[in-house]
Amino acid sequence: MNEIASYHGIHVNQIRQWRNSFLEQMPLIFAKENKKADQMKAEYENQIENLYAEVGRLTMHLSWLKKNLESRSRAERIQMIDWDDKELPITTQAELLGSIVLVCIISLSSFC
């Protein structure tokens, strides 16, 4: 430490204080990095959870379509809309059945 102090023109006691301070606070530096890593991990897990939820929603939509769209006419597709379904909103059902059905439901026109 004497060499470092004389080379930089700093008193040896000052270097000792800096060294002791660093050694005392070093675990805190790594703890902050661990908190950041934990936060990034939590955000990543939340994103994965959201993606699995989206996959589940899309799977439900696909199953609903397979069940309801096989060789159906437009009139039959309109009748397939489940007005009481809590999981799949009416607008989503209409979009899945086709844009013509969606227009018919929204406008309730007589030409459909």
C-alpha atoms as a PDB file:
ATOM      1  CA  MET A   1       0.000   0.000   0.000  1.00  0.00           C
ATOM      2  CA  ASN A   2       2.954   2.311   0.613  1.00  0.00           C
ATOM      3  CA  GLU A   3       3.954   2.043  -3.045  1.00  0.00           C
ATOM      4  CA  ILE A   4       0.444   2.858  -4.249  1.00  0.00           C
ATOM      5  CA  ALA A   5       0.210   5.808  -1.848  1.00  0.00           C
ATOM      6  CA  SER A   6       3.537   7.290  -2.884  1.00  0.00           C
ATOM      7  CA  TYR A   7       2.891   6.694  -6.596  1.00  0.00           C
ATOM      8  CA  HIS A   8      -0.444   8.561  -6.501  1.00  0.00           C
ATOM      9  CA  GLY A   9       0.548  11.071  -3.838  1.00  0.00           C
ATOM     10  CA  ILE A  10      -2.092   9.918  -1.367  1.00  0.00           C
ATOM     11  CA  HIS A  11      -1.612   9.186   2.319  1.00  0.00           C
ATOM     12  CA  VAL A  12      -1.547   5.484   3.264  1.00  0.00           C
ATOM     13  CA  ASN A  13      -4.354   5.951   5.811  1.00  0.00           C
ATOM     14  CA  GLN A  14      -6.648   7.262   3.079  1.00  0.00           C
ATOM     15  CA  ILE A  15      -6.016   4.157   0.951  1.00  0.00           C
ATOM     16  CA  ARG A  16      -6.710   1.934   3.988  1.00  0.00           C
ATOM     17  CA  GLN A  17     -10.005   3.746   4.607  1.00  0.00           C
ATOM     18  CA  TRP A  18     -11.040   3.306   0.983  1.00  0.00           C
ATOM     19  CA  ARG A  19     -10.066  -0.367   1.057  1.00  0.00           C
ATOM     20  CA  ASN A  20     -11.965  -1.017   4.297  1.00  0.00           C
ATOM     21  CA  SER A  21     -14.989   0.865   3.012  1.00  0.00           C
ATOM     22  CA  PHE A  22     -14.941  -1.157  -0.207  1.00  0.00           C
ATOM     23  CA  LEU A  23     -14.629  -4.458   1.645  1.00  0.00           C
ATOM     24  CA  GLU A  24     -17.562  -3.543   3.907  1.00  0.00           C
ATOM     25  CA  GLN A  25     -19.823  -2.418   1.068  1.00  0.00           C
ATOM     26  CA  MET A  26     -18.876  -5.027  -1.532  1.00  0.00           C
ATOM     27  CA  PRO A  27     -21.687  -7.463  -0.542  1.00  0.00           C
ATOM     28  CA  LEU A  28     -24.220  -4.648  -0.987  1.00  0.00           C
ATOM     29  CA  ILE A  29     -23.069  -4.105  -4.557  1.00  0.00           C
ATOM     30  CA  PHE A  30     -23.689  -7.738  -5.426  1.00  0.00           C
ATOM     31  CA  ALA A  31     -27.005  -7.736  -3.554  1.00  0.00           C
ATOM     32  CA  LYS A  32     -28.241  -4.924  -5.816  1.00  0.00           C
ATOM     33  CA  GLU A  33     -27.265  -6.942  -8.872  1.00  0.00           C
ATOM     34  CA  ASN A  34     -29.149  -9.936  -7.441  1.00  0.00           C
ATOM     35  CA  LYS A  35     -32.255  -7.789  -6.950  1.00  0.00           C
ATOM     36  CA  LYS A  36     -32.084  -6.721 -10.582  1.00  0.00           C
ATOM     37  CA  ALA A  37     -31.673 -10.330 -11.667  1.00  0.00           C
ATOM     38  CA  ASP A  38     -34.627 -11.372  -9.499  1.00  0.00           C
ATOM     39  CA  GLN A  39     -36.749  -8.590 -10.994  1.00  0.00           C
ATOM     40  CA  MET A  40     -35.801  -9.627 -14.521  1.00  0.00           C
ATOM     41  CA  LYS A  41     -36.613 -13.242 -13.677  1.00  0.00           C
ATOM     42  CA  ALA A  42     -40.047 -12.250 -12.299  1.00  0.00           C
ATOM     43  CA  GLU A  43     -40.802 -10.200 -15.428  1.00  0.00           C
ATOM     44  CA  TYR A  44     -39.726 -13.099 -17.632  1.00  0.00           C
ATOM     45  CA  GLU A  45     -41.922 -15.559 -15.723  1.00  0.00           C
ATOM     46  CA  ASN A  46     -44.863 -13.142 -15.970  1.00  0.00           C
ATOM     47  CA  GLN A  47     -44.343 -12.881 -19.721  1.00  0.00           C
ATOM     48  CA  ILE A  48     -44.238 -16.674 -20.041  1.00  0.00           C
ATOM     49  CA  GLU A  49     -47.458 -16.934 -18.019  1.00  0.00           C
ATOM     50  CA  ASN A  50     -49.158 -14.391 -20.300  1.00  0.00           C
ATOM     51  CA  LEU A  51     -48.010 -16.280 -23.386  1.00  0.00           C
ATOM     52  CA  TYR A  52     -49.361 -19.575 -22.035  1.00  0.00           C
ATOM     53  CA  ALA A  53     -52.674 -17.831 -21.334  1.00  0.00           C
ATOM     54  CA  GLU A  54     -52.765 -16.560 -24.919  1.00  0.00           C
ATOM     55  CA  VAL A  55     -52.007 -20.042 -26.256  1.00  0.00           C
ATOM     56  CA  GLY A  56     -54.861 -21.401 -24.130  1.00  0.00           C
ATOM     57  CA  ARG A  57     -57.233 -18.736 -25.463  1.00  0.00           C
ATOM     58  CA  LEU A  58     -56.252 -19.465 -29.051  1.00  0.00           C
ATOM     59  CA  THR A  59     -56.617 -23.200 -28.503  1.00  0.00           C
ATOM     60  CA  MET A  60     -60.105 -22.608 -27.128  1.00  0.00           C
ATOM     61  CA  HIS A  61     -60.973 -20.516 -30.217  1.00  0.00           C
ATOM     62  CA  LEU A  62     -59.690 -23.214 -32.533  1.00  0.00           C
ATOM     63  CA  SER A  63     -61.629 -25.954 -30.749  1.00  0.00           C
ATOM     64  CA  TRP A  64     -64.757 -23.830 -30.902  1.00  0.00           C
ATOM     65  CA  LEU A  65     -64.282 -23.299 -34.635  1.00  0.00           C
ATOM     66  CA  LYS A  66     -63.663 -26.958 -35.376  1.00  0.00           C
ATOM     67  CA  LYS A  67     -66.772 -27.870 -33.457  1.00  0.00           C
ATOM     68  CA  ASN A  68     -69.018 -25.264 -35.042  1.00  0.00           C
ATOM     69  CA  LEU A  69     -67.888 -24.506 -38.585  1.00  0.00           C
ATOM     70  CA  GLU A  70     -67.789 -27.842 -40.349  1.00  0.00           C
ATOM     71  CA  SER A  71     -69.786 -27.485 -43.550  1.00  0.00           C
ATOM     72  CA  ARG A  72     -72.292 -24.925 -42.298  1.00  0.00           C
ATOM     73  CA  SER A  73     -74.218 -22.377 -44.306  1.00  0.00           C
ATOM     74  CA  ARG A  74     -74.214 -18.688 -43.463  1.00  0.00           C
ATOM     75  CA  ALA A  75     -77.629 -18.956 -41.806  1.00  0.00           C
ATOM     76  CA  GLU A  76     -76.434 -21.893 -39.762  1.00  0.00           C
ATOM     77  CA  ARG A  77     -73.304 -20.011 -38.743  1.00  0.00           C
ATOM     78  CA  ILE A  78     -75.388 -17.090 -37.522  1.00  0.00           C
ATOM     79  CA  GLN A  79     -77.450 -19.490 -35.457  1.00  0.00           C
ATOM     80  CA  MET A  80     -74.271 -20.982 -33.969  1.00  0.00           C
ATOM     81  CA  ILE A  81     -73.496 -17.848 -32.000  1.00  0.00           C
ATOM     82  CA  ASP A  82     -73.801 -18.616 -28.311  1.00  0.00           C
ATOM     83  CA  TRP A  83     -75.221 -15.477 -26.720  1.00  0.00           C
ATOM     84  CA  ASP A  84     -74.680 -16.783 -23.181  1.00  0.00           C
ATOM     85  CA  ASP A  85     -71.030 -17.844 -23.548  1.00  0.00           C
ATOM     86  CA  LYS A  86     -69.007 -16.047 -20.844  1.00  0.00           C
ATOM     87  CA  GLU A  87     -65.574 -17.153 -22.102  1.00  0.00           C
ATOM     88  CA  LEU A  88     -65.941 -16.203 -25.767  1.00  0.00           C
ATOM     89  CA  PRO A  89     -67.568 -12.789 -26.411  1.00  0.00           C
ATOM     90  CA  ILE A  90     -70.162 -12.474 -29.153  1.00  0.00           C
ATOM     91  CA  THR A  91     -67.929 -10.197 -31.241  1.00  0.00           C
ATOM     92  CA  THR A  92     -65.129 -12.770 -31.113  1.00  0.00           C
ATOM     93  CA  GLN A  93     -67.539 -15.530 -32.104  1.00  0.00           C
ATOM     94  CA  ALA A  94     -68.734 -13.411 -35.028  1.00  0.00           C
ATOM     95  CA  GLU A  95     -65.159 -12.704 -36.131  1.00  0.00           C
ATOM     96  CA  LEU A  96     -64.329 -16.399 -35.963  1.00  0.00           C
ATOM     97  CA  LEU A  97     -67.414 -17.277 -37.989  1.00  0.00           C
ATOM     98  CA  GLY A  98     -66.559 -14.774 -40.714  1.00  0.00           C
ATOM     99  CA  SER A  99     -66.874 -11.091 -41.499  1.00  0.00           C
ATOM    100  CA  ILE A 100     -70.306 -11.454 -43.182  1.00  0.00           C
ATOM    101  CA  VAL A 101     -71.733 -12.838 -39.968  1.00  0.00           C
ATOM    102  CA  LEU A 102     -70.124 -10.021 -37.998  1.00  0.00           C
ATOM    103  CA  VAL A 103     -71.718  -7.395 -40.239  1.00  0.00           C
ATOM    104  CA  CYS A 104     -75.103  -9.099 -39.875  1.00  0.00           C
ATOM    105  CA  ILE A 105     -74.943  -9.157 -36.111  1.00  0.00           C
ATOM    106  CA  ILE A 106     -73.782  -5.580 -35.738  1.00  0.00           C
ATOM    107  CA  SER A 107     -76.157  -4.016 -38.234  1.00  0.00           C
ATOM    108  CA  LEU A 108     -79.041  -6.483 -37.710  1.00  0.00           C
ATOM    109  CA  SER A 109     -80.007  -5.810 -41.306  1.00  0.00           C
ATOM    110  CA  SER A 110     -82.687  -7.823 -43.104  1.00  0.00           C
ATOM    111  CA  PHE A 111     -80.572  -8.793 -46.116  1.00  0.00           C
ATOM    112  CA  CYS A 112     -78.494 -11.277 -44.068  1.00  0.00           C
END
